[in-house]
Full PDB file with SEQRES, HELIX, SHEET, SSBOND, CRYST1, ORIGX, SCALE, CONECT and MASTER records, all heavy atoms in Angstrom:
SEQRES   1 A   42  PHE GLU ASP LYS ASN GLY ALA GLY LEU ASN CYS ALA ASP          
SEQRES   2 A   42  PRO GLN ASP PHE ARG LYS ILE TYR ASP ALA THR MET PRO          
SEQRES   3 A   42  LEU LEU PHE LYS VAL SER PHE ARG ILE VAL GLY ASP GLU          
SEQRES   4 A   42  GLU ALA ALA                                                  
HELIX    1 AA1 PRO A   14  VAL A   36  1                                  23    
CRYST1    1.000    1.000    1.000  90.00  90.00  90.00 P 1           1          
ORIGX1      1.000000  0.000000  0.000000        0.00000                         
ORIGX2      0.000000  1.000000  0.000000        0.00000                         
ORIGX3      0.000000  0.000000  1.000000        0.00000                         
SCALE1      1.000000  0.000000  0.000000        0.00000                         
SCALE2      0.000000  1.000000  0.000000        0.00000                         
SCALE3      0.000000  0.000000  1.000000        0.00000                         
ATOM      1  N   PHE A   1       0.833  -1.195   0.000  1.00  0.00           N  
ATOM      2  CA  PHE A   1       0.000   0.000   0.000  1.00  0.00           C  
ATOM      3  C   PHE A   1       0.868   1.246   0.000  1.00  0.00           C  
ATOM      4  O   PHE A   1       1.854   1.312   0.695  1.00  0.00           O  
ATOM      5  CB  PHE A   1      -0.895   0.051   1.246  1.00  0.00           C  
ATOM      6  CG  PHE A   1      -1.964  -0.973   1.281  1.00  0.00           C  
ATOM      7  CD1 PHE A   1      -1.901  -2.000   2.201  1.00  0.00           C  
ATOM      8  CD2 PHE A   1      -3.034  -0.942   0.421  1.00  0.00           C  
ATOM      9  CE1 PHE A   1      -2.872  -2.946   2.268  1.00  0.00           C  
ATOM     10  CE2 PHE A   1      -4.016  -1.885   0.476  1.00  0.00           C  
ATOM     11  CZ  PHE A   1      -3.940  -2.898   1.405  1.00  0.00           C  
ATOM     12  N   GLU A   2       0.488   2.217  -0.757  1.00  0.00           N  
ATOM     13  CA  GLU A   2       1.116   3.523  -0.692  1.00  0.00           C  
ATOM     14  C   GLU A   2       0.022   4.557  -0.818  1.00  0.00           C  
ATOM     15  O   GLU A   2      -1.001   4.311  -1.439  1.00  0.00           O  
ATOM     16  CB  GLU A   2       2.126   3.717  -1.825  1.00  0.00           C  
ATOM     17  CG  GLU A   2       3.406   2.955  -1.610  1.00  0.00           C  
ATOM     18  CD  GLU A   2       4.496   3.374  -2.579  1.00  0.00           C  
ATOM     19  OE1 GLU A   2       4.228   4.201  -3.458  1.00  0.00           O  
ATOM     20  OE2 GLU A   2       5.611   2.867  -2.439  1.00  0.00           O  
ATOM     21  N   ASP A   3       0.246   5.723  -0.224  1.00  0.00           N  
ATOM     22  CA  ASP A   3      -0.773   6.752  -0.338  1.00  0.00           C  
ATOM     23  C   ASP A   3      -0.699   7.396  -1.717  1.00  0.00           C  
ATOM     24  O   ASP A   3       0.144   7.081  -2.534  1.00  0.00           O  
ATOM     25  CB  ASP A   3      -0.680   7.773   0.796  1.00  0.00           C  
ATOM     26  CG  ASP A   3       0.549   8.659   0.705  1.00  0.00           C  
ATOM     27  OD1 ASP A   3       1.212   8.645  -0.340  1.00  0.00           O  
ATOM     28  OD2 ASP A   3       0.815   9.366   1.695  1.00  0.00           O  
ATOM     29  N   LYS A   4      -1.579   8.352  -1.962  1.00  0.00           N  
ATOM     30  CA  LYS A   4      -1.692   8.968  -3.286  1.00  0.00           C  
ATOM     31  C   LYS A   4      -0.402   9.638  -3.726  1.00  0.00           C  
ATOM     32  O   LYS A   4      -0.095   9.733  -4.891  1.00  0.00           O  
ATOM     33  CB  LYS A   4      -2.842   9.998  -3.290  1.00  0.00           C  
ATOM     34  CG  LYS A   4      -4.164   9.391  -2.976  1.00  0.00           C  
ATOM     35  CD  LYS A   4      -4.756  10.118  -1.762  1.00  0.00           C  
ATOM     36  CE  LYS A   4      -5.810   9.271  -1.128  1.00  0.00           C  
ATOM     37  NZ  LYS A   4      -5.533   8.903   0.234  1.00  0.00           N  
ATOM     38  N   ASN A   5       0.392  10.153  -2.796  1.00  0.00           N  
ATOM     39  CA  ASN A   5       1.623  10.856  -3.117  1.00  0.00           C  
ATOM     40  C   ASN A   5       2.819   9.914  -3.217  1.00  0.00           C  
ATOM     41  O   ASN A   5       3.923  10.358  -3.467  1.00  0.00           O  
ATOM     42  CB  ASN A   5       1.918  11.915  -2.042  1.00  0.00           C  
ATOM     43  CG  ASN A   5       0.773  12.889  -1.881  1.00  0.00           C  
ATOM     44  OD1 ASN A   5       0.106  13.213  -2.863  1.00  0.00           O  
ATOM     45  ND2 ASN A   5       0.534  13.334  -0.668  1.00  0.00           N  
ATOM     46  N   GLY A   6       2.637   8.624  -2.955  1.00  0.00           N  
ATOM     47  CA  GLY A   6       3.720   7.651  -3.028  1.00  0.00           C  
ATOM     48  C   GLY A   6       4.661   7.735  -1.834  1.00  0.00           C  
ATOM     49  O   GLY A   6       5.768   7.249  -1.891  1.00  0.00           O  
ATOM     50  N   ALA A   7       4.232   8.379  -0.767  1.00  0.00           N  
ATOM     51  CA  ALA A   7       5.100   8.584   0.395  1.00  0.00           C  
ATOM     52  C   ALA A   7       5.038   7.441   1.390  1.00  0.00           C  
ATOM     53  O   ALA A   7       5.682   7.495   2.415  1.00  0.00           O  
ATOM     54  CB  ALA A   7       4.722   9.897   1.082  1.00  0.00           C  
ATOM     55  N   GLY A   8       4.268   6.436   1.143  1.00  0.00           N  
ATOM     56  CA  GLY A   8       4.175   5.324   2.075  1.00  0.00           C  
ATOM     57  C   GLY A   8       2.937   5.432   2.945  1.00  0.00           C  
ATOM     58  O   GLY A   8       1.990   6.158   2.638  1.00  0.00           O  
ATOM     59  N   LEU A   9       2.946   4.695   4.043  1.00  0.00           N  
ATOM     60  CA  LEU A   9       1.814   4.667   4.969  1.00  0.00           C  
ATOM     61  C   LEU A   9       2.167   5.470   6.211  1.00  0.00           C  
ATOM     62  O   LEU A   9       3.131   5.163   6.909  1.00  0.00           O  
ATOM     63  CB  LEU A   9       1.492   3.225   5.352  1.00  0.00           C  
ATOM     64  CG  LEU A   9       0.980   2.357   4.209  1.00  0.00           C  
ATOM     65  CD1 LEU A   9       1.060   0.896   4.573  1.00  0.00           C  
ATOM     66  CD2 LEU A   9      -0.450   2.728   3.886  1.00  0.00           C  
ATOM     67  N   ASN A  10       1.371   6.459   6.510  1.00  0.00           N  
ATOM     68  CA  ASN A  10       1.592   7.331   7.655  1.00  0.00           C  
ATOM     69  C   ASN A  10       0.647   6.928   8.771  1.00  0.00           C  
ATOM     70  O   ASN A  10      -0.576   6.991   8.619  1.00  0.00           O  
ATOM     71  CB  ASN A  10       1.351   8.786   7.243  1.00  0.00           C  
ATOM     72  CG  ASN A  10       1.654   9.763   8.351  1.00  0.00           C  
ATOM     73  OD1 ASN A  10       1.725   9.400   9.521  1.00  0.00           O  
ATOM     74  ND2 ASN A  10       1.834  11.016   7.975  1.00  0.00           N  
ATOM     75  N   CYS A  11       1.203   6.528   9.898  1.00  0.00           N  
ATOM     76  CA  CYS A  11       0.381   6.073  11.024  1.00  0.00           C  
ATOM     77  C   CYS A  11      -0.487   7.172  11.606  1.00  0.00           C  
ATOM     78  O   CYS A  11      -1.457   6.889  12.310  1.00  0.00           O  
ATOM     79  CB  CYS A  11       1.274   5.484  12.116  1.00  0.00           C  
ATOM     80  SG  CYS A  11       2.013   3.925  11.623  1.00  0.00           S  
ATOM     81  N   ALA A  12      -0.149   8.424  11.351  1.00  0.00           N  
ATOM     82  CA  ALA A  12      -0.961   9.536  11.852  1.00  0.00           C  
ATOM     83  C   ALA A  12      -2.171   9.801  10.959  1.00  0.00           C  
ATOM     84  O   ALA A  12      -3.108  10.481  11.371  1.00  0.00           O  
ATOM     85  CB  ALA A  12      -0.115  10.800  11.972  1.00  0.00           C  
ATOM     86  N   ASP A  13      -2.154   9.254   9.747  1.00  0.00           N  
ATOM     87  CA  ASP A  13      -3.281   9.420   8.826  1.00  0.00           C  
ATOM     88  C   ASP A  13      -4.319   8.344   9.122  1.00  0.00           C  
ATOM     89  O   ASP A  13      -4.001   7.142   9.090  1.00  0.00           O  
ATOM     90  CB  ASP A  13      -2.793   9.287   7.379  1.00  0.00           C  
ATOM     91  CG  ASP A  13      -3.928   9.385   6.385  1.00  0.00           C  
ATOM     92  OD1 ASP A  13      -4.331  10.516   6.058  1.00  0.00           O  
ATOM     93  OD2 ASP A  13      -4.416   8.315   5.948  1.00  0.00           O  
ATOM     94  N   PRO A  14      -5.561   8.719   9.427  1.00  0.00           N  
ATOM     95  CA  PRO A  14      -6.582   7.727   9.815  1.00  0.00           C  
ATOM     96  C   PRO A  14      -6.805   6.622   8.782  1.00  0.00           C  
ATOM     97  O   PRO A  14      -6.982   5.467   9.156  1.00  0.00           O  
ATOM     98  CB  PRO A  14      -7.854   8.568  10.003  1.00  0.00           C  
ATOM     99  CG  PRO A  14      -7.367   9.946  10.292  1.00  0.00           C  
ATOM    100  CD  PRO A  14      -6.076  10.101   9.533  1.00  0.00           C  
ATOM    101  N   GLN A  15      -6.771   6.957   7.493  1.00  0.00           N  
ATOM    102  CA  GLN A  15      -6.981   5.922   6.465  1.00  0.00           C  
ATOM    103  C   GLN A  15      -5.818   4.945   6.414  1.00  0.00           C  
ATOM    104  O   GLN A  15      -6.009   3.735   6.334  1.00  0.00           O  
ATOM    105  CB  GLN A  15      -7.199   6.574   5.095  1.00  0.00           C  
ATOM    106  CG  GLN A  15      -8.536   7.275   4.974  1.00  0.00           C  
ATOM    107  CD  GLN A  15      -8.707   7.916   3.607  1.00  0.00           C  
ATOM    108  OE1 GLN A  15      -7.735   8.336   2.978  1.00  0.00           O  
ATOM    109  NE2 GLN A  15      -9.939   7.991   3.151  1.00  0.00           N  
ATOM    110  N   ASP A  16      -4.592   5.478   6.453  1.00  0.00           N  
ATOM    111  CA  ASP A  16      -3.416   4.608   6.450  1.00  0.00           C  
ATOM    112  C   ASP A  16      -3.360   3.758   7.716  1.00  0.00           C  
ATOM    113  O   ASP A  16      -3.040   2.570   7.675  1.00  0.00           O  
ATOM    114  CB  ASP A  16      -2.127   5.426   6.340  1.00  0.00           C  
ATOM    115  CG  ASP A  16      -1.912   6.006   4.948  1.00  0.00           C  
ATOM    116  OD1 ASP A  16      -2.639   5.609   4.014  1.00  0.00           O  
ATOM    117  OD2 ASP A  16      -1.002   6.852   4.802  1.00  0.00           O  
ATOM    118  N   PHE A  17      -3.676   4.389   8.844  1.00  0.00           N  
ATOM    119  CA  PHE A  17      -3.669   3.666  10.110  1.00  0.00           C  
ATOM    120  C   PHE A  17      -4.652   2.504  10.052  1.00  0.00           C  
ATOM    121  O   PHE A  17      -4.349   1.391  10.488  1.00  0.00           O  
ATOM    122  CB  PHE A  17      -4.029   4.602  11.274  1.00  0.00           C  
ATOM    123  CG  PHE A  17      -3.956   3.924  12.613  1.00  0.00           C  
ATOM    124  CD1 PHE A  17      -2.748   3.813  13.278  1.00  0.00           C  
ATOM    125  CD2 PHE A  17      -5.086   3.374  13.195  1.00  0.00           C  
ATOM    126  CE1 PHE A  17      -2.671   3.166  14.512  1.00  0.00           C  
ATOM    127  CE2 PHE A  17      -5.024   2.737  14.424  1.00  0.00           C  
ATOM    128  CZ  PHE A  17      -3.811   2.632  15.076  1.00  0.00           C  
ATOM    129  N   ARG A  18      -5.839   2.721   9.492  1.00  0.00           N  
ATOM    130  CA  ARG A  18      -6.865   1.669   9.371  1.00  0.00           C  
ATOM    131  C   ARG A  18      -6.347   0.532   8.494  1.00  0.00           C  
ATOM    132  O   ARG A  18      -6.559  -0.644   8.802  1.00  0.00           O  
ATOM    133  CB  ARG A  18      -8.158   2.262   8.826  1.00  0.00           C  
ATOM    134  CG  ARG A  18      -9.267   1.249   8.560  1.00  0.00           C  
ATOM    135  CD  ARG A  18      -9.531   0.309   9.694  1.00  0.00           C  
ATOM    136  NE  ARG A  18     -10.448   0.866  10.642  1.00  0.00           N  
ATOM    137  CZ  ARG A  18     -10.794   0.266  11.765  1.00  0.00           C  
ATOM    138  NH1 ARG A  18     -10.287  -0.901  12.086  1.00  0.00           N  
ATOM    139  NH2 ARG A  18     -11.627   0.820  12.597  1.00  0.00           N  
ATOM    140  N   LYS A  19      -5.656   0.853   7.400  1.00  0.00           N  
ATOM    141  CA  LYS A  19      -5.097  -0.186   6.518  1.00  0.00           C  
ATOM    142  C   LYS A  19      -4.103  -1.053   7.293  1.00  0.00           C  
ATOM    143  O   LYS A  19      -4.132  -2.281   7.211  1.00  0.00           O  
ATOM    144  CB  LYS A  19      -4.381   0.442   5.322  1.00  0.00           C  
ATOM    145  CG  LYS A  19      -5.291   1.018   4.277  1.00  0.00           C  
ATOM    146  CD  LYS A  19      -4.463   1.653   3.169  1.00  0.00           C  
ATOM    147  CE  LYS A  19      -5.333   2.444   2.217  1.00  0.00           C  
ATOM    148  NZ  LYS A  19      -4.536   3.166   1.211  1.00  0.00           N  
ATOM    149  N   ILE A  20      -3.219  -0.384   8.035  1.00  0.00           N  
ATOM    150  CA  ILE A  20      -2.207  -1.111   8.809  1.00  0.00           C  
ATOM    151  C   ILE A  20      -2.882  -1.967   9.870  1.00  0.00           C  
ATOM    152  O   ILE A  20      -2.569  -3.151  10.029  1.00  0.00           O  
ATOM    153  CB  ILE A  20      -1.201  -0.125   9.455  1.00  0.00           C  
ATOM    154  CG1 ILE A  20      -0.373   0.567   8.375  1.00  0.00           C  
ATOM    155  CG2 ILE A  20      -0.290  -0.847  10.450  1.00  0.00           C  
ATOM    156  CD1 ILE A  20       0.462   1.744   8.888  1.00  0.00           C  
ATOM    157  N   TYR A  21      -3.822  -1.392  10.587  1.00  0.00           N  
ATOM    158  CA  TYR A  21      -4.530  -2.105  11.658  1.00  0.00           C  
ATOM    159  C   TYR A  21      -5.249  -3.334  11.108  1.00  0.00           C  
ATOM    160  O   TYR A  21      -5.095  -4.442  11.629  1.00  0.00           O  
ATOM    161  CB  TYR A  21      -5.518  -1.166  12.347  1.00  0.00           C  
ATOM    162  CG  TYR A  21      -6.248  -1.804  13.502  1.00  0.00           C  
ATOM    163  CD1 TYR A  21      -5.716  -1.764  14.781  1.00  0.00           C  
ATOM    164  CD2 TYR A  21      -7.466  -2.455  13.319  1.00  0.00           C  
ATOM    165  CE1 TYR A  21      -6.366  -2.344  15.856  1.00  0.00           C  
ATOM    166  CE2 TYR A  21      -8.130  -3.054  14.383  1.00  0.00           C  
ATOM    167  CZ  TYR A  21      -7.579  -2.985  15.643  1.00  0.00           C  
ATOM    168  OH  TYR A  21      -8.231  -3.573  16.695  1.00  0.00           O  
ATOM    169  N   ASP A  22      -6.036  -3.141  10.052  1.00  0.00           N  
ATOM    170  CA  ASP A  22      -6.808  -4.256   9.484  1.00  0.00           C  
ATOM    171  C   ASP A  22      -5.916  -5.377   8.976  1.00  0.00           C  
ATOM    172  O   ASP A  22      -6.255  -6.557   9.096  1.00  0.00           O  
ATOM    173  CB  ASP A  22      -7.707  -3.760   8.341  1.00  0.00           C  
ATOM    174  CG  ASP A  22      -8.866  -2.903   8.831  1.00  0.00           C  
ATOM    175  OD1 ASP A  22      -9.181  -2.942  10.047  1.00  0.00           O  
ATOM    176  OD2 ASP A  22      -9.462  -2.186   8.004  1.00  0.00           O  
ATOM    177  N   ALA A  23      -4.761  -5.010   8.427  1.00  0.00           N  
ATOM    178  CA  ALA A  23      -3.874  -6.020   7.841  1.00  0.00           C  
ATOM    179  C   ALA A  23      -3.029  -6.752   8.885  1.00  0.00           C  
ATOM    180  O   ALA A  23      -2.584  -7.872   8.632  1.00  0.00           O  
ATOM    181  CB  ALA A  23      -2.946  -5.356   6.814  1.00  0.00           C  
ATOM    182  N   THR A  24      -2.817  -6.144  10.053  1.00  0.00           N  
ATOM    183  CA  THR A  24      -1.867  -6.736  10.999  1.00  0.00           C  
ATOM    184  C   THR A  24      -2.463  -7.199  12.324  1.00  0.00           C  
ATOM    185  O   THR A  24      -1.835  -7.983  13.027  1.00  0.00           O  
ATOM    186  CB  THR A  24      -0.727  -5.746  11.310  1.00  0.00           C  
ATOM    187  OG1 THR A  24      -1.284  -4.549  11.877  1.00  0.00           O  
ATOM    188  CG2 THR A  24       0.068  -5.406  10.067  1.00  0.00           C  
ATOM    189  N   MET A  25      -3.616  -6.734  12.693  1.00  0.00           N  
ATOM    190  CA  MET A  25      -4.162  -7.025  14.025  1.00  0.00           C  
ATOM    191  C   MET A  25      -4.243  -8.523  14.335  1.00  0.00           C  
ATOM    192  O   MET A  25      -3.793  -8.953  15.397  1.00  0.00           O  
ATOM    193  CB  MET A  25      -5.530  -6.346  14.199  1.00  0.00           C  
ATOM    194  CG  MET A  25      -6.187  -6.635  15.524  1.00  0.00           C  
ATOM    195  SD  MET A  25      -5.146  -6.176  16.922  1.00  0.00           S  
ATOM    196  CE  MET A  25      -6.166  -6.712  18.275  1.00  0.00           C  
ATOM    197  N   PRO A  26      -4.823  -9.350  13.457  1.00  0.00           N  
ATOM    198  CA  PRO A  26      -4.926 -10.781  13.812  1.00  0.00           C  
ATOM    199  C   PRO A  26      -3.561 -11.431  14.072  1.00  0.00           C  
ATOM    200  O   PRO A  26      -3.401 -12.177  15.035  1.00  0.00           O  
ATOM    201  CB  PRO A  26      -5.612 -11.416  12.588  1.00  0.00           C  
ATOM    202  CG  PRO A  26      -6.332 -10.279  11.932  1.00  0.00           C  
ATOM    203  CD  PRO A  26      -5.486  -9.058  12.183  1.00  0.00           C  
ATOM    204  N   LEU A  27      -2.586 -11.121  13.235  1.00  0.00           N  
ATOM    205  CA  LEU A  27      -1.253 -11.691  13.403  1.00  0.00           C  
ATOM    206  C   LEU A  27      -0.606 -11.208  14.697  1.00  0.00           C  
ATOM    207  O   LEU A  27      -0.077 -12.003  15.474  1.00  0.00           O  
ATOM    208  CB  LEU A  27      -0.365 -11.320  12.211  1.00  0.00           C  
ATOM    209  CG  LEU A  27       1.128 -11.624  12.365  1.00  0.00           C  
ATOM    210  CD1 LEU A  27       1.347 -13.132  12.463  1.00  0.00           C  
ATOM    211  CD2 LEU A  27       1.904 -11.036  11.220  1.00  0.00           C  
ATOM    212  N   LEU A  28      -0.654  -9.921  14.949  1.00  0.00           N  
ATOM    213  CA  LEU A  28      -0.034  -9.364  16.148  1.00  0.00           C  
ATOM    214  C   LEU A  28      -0.690  -9.908  17.403  1.00  0.00           C  
ATOM    215  O   LEU A  28      -0.011 -10.204  18.391  1.00  0.00           O  
ATOM    216  CB  LEU A  28      -0.097  -7.840  16.128  1.00  0.00           C  
ATOM    217  CG  LEU A  28       0.671  -7.165  14.993  1.00  0.00           C  
ATOM    218  CD1 LEU A  28       0.446  -5.660  15.022  1.00  0.00           C  
ATOM    219  CD2 LEU A  28       2.144  -7.492  15.042  1.00  0.00           C  
ATOM    220  N   PHE A  29      -1.996 -10.075  17.366  1.00  0.00           N  
ATOM    221  CA  PHE A  29      -2.698 -10.629  18.523  1.00  0.00           C  
ATOM    222  C   PHE A  29      -2.232 -12.061  18.782  1.00  0.00           C  
ATOM    223  O   PHE A  29      -1.969 -12.439  19.920  1.00  0.00           O  
ATOM    224  CB  PHE A  29      -4.214 -10.599  18.323  1.00  0.00           C  
ATOM    225  CG  PHE A  29      -4.960 -11.242  19.450  1.00  0.00           C  
ATOM    226  CD1 PHE A  29      -5.156 -10.566  20.649  1.00  0.00           C  
ATOM    227  CD2 PHE A  29      -5.443 -12.539  19.333  1.00  0.00           C  
ATOM    228  CE1 PHE A  29      -5.823 -11.167  21.701  1.00  0.00           C  
ATOM    229  CE2 PHE A  29      -6.107 -13.146  20.385  1.00  0.00           C  
ATOM    230  CZ  PHE A  29      -6.298 -12.453  21.567  1.00  0.00           C  
ATOM    231  N   LYS A  30      -2.122 -12.867  17.727  1.00  0.00           N  
ATOM    232  CA  LYS A  30      -1.663 -14.255  17.891  1.00  0.00           C  
ATOM    233  C   LYS A  30      -0.266 -14.311  18.506  1.00  0.00           C  
ATOM    234  O   LYS A  30      -0.010 -15.107  19.408  1.00  0.00           O  
ATOM    235  CB  LYS A  30      -1.645 -14.984  16.535  1.00  0.00           C  
ATOM    236  CG  LYS A  30      -2.991 -15.361  16.008  1.00  0.00           C  
ATOM    237  CD  LYS A  30      -2.833 -16.059  14.672  1.00  0.00           C  
ATOM    238  CE  LYS A  30      -4.150 -16.269  13.978  1.00  0.00           C  
ATOM    239  NZ  LYS A  30      -3.965 -16.852  12.635  1.00  0.00           N  
ATOM    240  N   VAL A  31       0.625 -13.473  17.995  1.00  0.00           N  
ATOM    241  CA  VAL A  31       1.998 -13.464  18.507  1.00  0.00           C  
ATOM    242  C   VAL A  31       1.998 -13.106  19.988  1.00  0.00           C  
ATOM    243  O   VAL A  31       2.591 -13.801  20.818  1.00  0.00           O  
ATOM    244  CB  VAL A  31       2.882 -12.482  17.695  1.00  0.00           C  
ATOM    245  CG1 VAL A  31       4.222 -12.257  18.377  1.00  0.00           C  
ATOM    246  CG2 VAL A  31       3.095 -13.008  16.277  1.00  0.00           C  
ATOM    247  N   SER A  32       1.306 -12.028  20.330  1.00  0.00           N  
ATOM    248  CA  SER A  32       1.284 -11.587  21.718  1.00  0.00           C  
ATOM    249  C   SER A  32       0.604 -12.616  22.616  1.00  0.00           C  
ATOM    250  O   SER A  32       1.097 -12.922  23.701  1.00  0.00           O  
ATOM    251  CB  SER A  32       0.573 -10.233  21.835  1.00  0.00           C  
ATOM    252  OG  SER A  32       0.631  -9.770  23.157  1.00  0.00           O  
ATOM    253  N   PHE A  33      -0.515 -13.162  22.175  1.00  0.00           N  
ATOM    254  CA  PHE A  33      -1.254 -14.125  22.988  1.00  0.00           C  
ATOM    255  C   PHE A  33      -0.411 -15.359  23.286  1.00  0.00           C  
ATOM    256  O   PHE A  33      -0.424 -15.874  24.408  1.00  0.00           O  
ATOM    257  CB  PHE A  33      -2.561 -14.536  22.304  1.00  0.00           C  
ATOM    258  CG  PHE A  33      -3.324 -15.580  23.070  1.00  0.00           C  
ATOM    259  CD1 PHE A  33      -3.943 -15.268  24.265  1.00  0.00           C  
ATOM    260  CD2 PHE A  33      -3.400 -16.888  22.608  1.00  0.00           C  
ATOM    261  CE1 PHE A  33      -4.636 -16.232  24.986  1.00  0.00           C  
ATOM    262  CE2 PHE A  33      -4.087 -17.848  23.318  1.00  0.00           C  
ATOM    263  CZ  PHE A  33      -4.710 -17.522  24.505  1.00  0.00           C  
ATOM    264  N   ARG A  34       0.333 -15.839  22.298  1.00  0.00           N  
ATOM    265  CA  ARG A  34       1.160 -17.024  22.514  1.00  0.00           C  
ATOM    266  C   ARG A  34       2.312 -16.755  23.468  1.00  0.00           C  
ATOM    267  O   ARG A  34       2.802 -17.660  24.126  1.00  0.00           O  
ATOM    268  CB  ARG A  34       1.703 -17.574  21.189  1.00  0.00           C  
ATOM    269  CG  ARG A  34       0.633 -18.148  20.320  1.00  0.00           C  
ATOM    270  CD  ARG A  34      -0.101 -19.255  21.029  1.00  0.00           C  
ATOM    271  NE  ARG A  34      -1.210 -19.699  20.219  1.00  0.00           N  
ATOM    272  CZ  ARG A  34      -2.145 -20.522  20.610  1.00  0.00           C  
ATOM    273  NH1 ARG A  34      -2.129 -20.996  21.830  1.00  0.00           N  
ATOM    274  NH2 ARG A  34      -3.108 -20.869  19.819  1.00  0.00           N  
ATOM    275  N   ILE A  35       2.710 -15.511  23.569  1.00  0.00           N  
ATOM    276  CA  ILE A  35       3.782 -15.174  24.498  1.00  0.00           C  
ATOM    277  C   ILE A  35       3.235 -14.964  25.906  1.00  0.00           C  
ATOM    278  O   ILE A  35       3.778 -15.485  26.871  1.00  0.00           O  
ATOM    279  CB  ILE A  35       4.559 -13.924  24.026  1.00  0.00           C  
ATOM    280  CG1 ILE A  35       5.301 -14.240  22.726  1.00  0.00           C  
ATOM    281  CG2 ILE A  35       5.533 -13.447  25.101  1.00  0.00           C  
ATOM    282  CD1 ILE A  35       5.936 -13.037  22.052  1.00  0.00           C  
ATOM    283  N   VAL A  36       2.123 -14.207  26.019  1.00  0.00           N  
ATOM    284  CA  VAL A  36       1.620 -13.851  27.356  1.00  0.00           C  
ATOM    285  C   VAL A  36       0.548 -14.800  27.873  1.00  0.00           C  
ATOM    286  O   VAL A  36       0.320 -14.875  29.080  1.00  0.00           O  
ATOM    287  CB  VAL A  36       1.106 -12.391  27.417  1.00  0.00           C  
ATOM    288  CG1 VAL A  36       2.206 -11.424  27.060  1.00  0.00           C  
ATOM    289  CG2 VAL A  36      -0.111 -12.170  26.551  1.00  0.00           C  
ATOM    290  N   GLY A  37      -0.152 -15.512  26.974  1.00  0.00           N  
ATOM    291  CA  GLY A  37      -1.156 -16.482  27.396  1.00  0.00           C  
ATOM    292  C   GLY A  37      -2.413 -15.872  27.988  1.00  0.00           C  
ATOM    293  O   GLY A  37      -3.157 -16.548  28.690  1.00  0.00           O  
ATOM    294  N   ASP A  38      -2.681 -14.611  27.707  1.00  0.00           N  
ATOM    295  CA  ASP A  38      -3.842 -13.931  28.263  1.00  0.00           C  
ATOM    296  C   ASP A  38      -4.428 -13.041  27.163  1.00  0.00           C  
ATOM    297  O   ASP A  38      -3.760 -12.112  26.691  1.00  0.00           O  
ATOM    298  CB  ASP A  38      -3.405 -13.093  29.471  1.00  0.00           C  
ATOM    299  CG  ASP A  38      -4.529 -12.313  30.110  1.00  0.00           C  
ATOM    300  OD1 ASP A  38      -5.199 -11.533  29.399  1.00  0.00           O  
ATOM    301  OD2 ASP A  38      -4.731 -12.452  31.331  1.00  0.00           O  
ATOM    302  N   GLU A  39      -5.673 -13.321  26.763  1.00  0.00           N  
ATOM    303  CA  GLU A  39      -6.289 -12.598  25.652  1.00  0.00           C  
ATOM    304  C   GLU A  39      -6.368 -11.098  25.900  1.00  0.00           C  
ATOM    305  O   GLU A  39      -6.030 -10.293  25.037  1.00  0.00           O  
ATOM    306  CB  GLU A  39      -7.697 -13.134  25.368  1.00  0.00           C  
ATOM    307  CG  GLU A  39      -7.713 -14.476  24.702  1.00  0.00           C  
ATOM    308  CD  GLU A  39      -9.120 -14.954  24.372  1.00  0.00           C  
ATOM    309  OE1 GLU A  39     -10.055 -14.123  24.372  1.00  0.00           O  
ATOM    310  OE2 GLU A  39      -9.268 -16.154  24.105  1.00  0.00           O  
ATOM    311  N   GLU A  40      -6.835 -10.730  27.081  1.00  0.00           N  
ATOM    312  CA  GLU A  40      -7.008  -9.313  27.388  1.00  0.00           C  
ATOM    313  C   GLU A  40      -5.670  -8.580  27.395  1.00  0.00           C  
ATOM    314  O   GLU A  40      -5.538  -7.489  26.832  1.00  0.00           O  
ATOM    315  CB  GLU A  40      -7.694  -9.176  28.750  1.00  0.00           C  
ATOM    316  CG  GLU A  40      -8.253  -7.803  29.016  1.00  0.00           C  
ATOM    317  CD  GLU A  40      -9.104  -7.789  30.279  1.00  0.00           C  
ATOM    318  OE1 GLU A  40     -10.020  -8.632  30.400  1.00  0.00           O  
ATOM    319  OE2 GLU A  40      -8.827  -6.931  31.130  1.00  0.00           O  
ATOM    320  N   ALA A  41      -4.674  -9.182  28.004  1.00  0.00           N  
ATOM    321  CA  ALA A  41      -3.346  -8.571  28.042  1.00  0.00           C  
ATOM    322  C   ALA A  41      -2.760  -8.479  26.637  1.00  0.00           C  
ATOM    323  O   ALA A  41      -2.161  -7.455  26.271  1.00  0.00           O  
ATOM    324  CB  ALA A  41      -2.414  -9.365  28.950  1.00  0.00           C  
ATOM    325  N   ALA A  42      -2.929  -9.530  25.840  1.00  0.00           N  
ATOM    326  CA  ALA A  42      -2.409  -9.525  24.475  1.00  0.00           C  
ATOM    327  C   ALA A  42      -3.040  -8.401  23.660  1.00  0.00           C  
ATOM    328  O   ALA A  42      -2.344  -7.672  22.945  1.00  0.00           O  
ATOM    329  CB  ALA A  42      -2.660 -10.875  23.804  1.00  0.00           C  
TER     330      ALA A  42                                                      
MASTER        0    0    0    1    0    0    0    6  329    1    0    4          
END                                                                             
């Protein structure tokens, strides 16, 4: 993904942030959960 200007994904931009969140949340949750063993903490 790149924004309209080709500058990449800016975490401060709500649309870019949503793209990053939607694409990574399940994976990041799995990684954290397997390390900490607690859903809420993960």
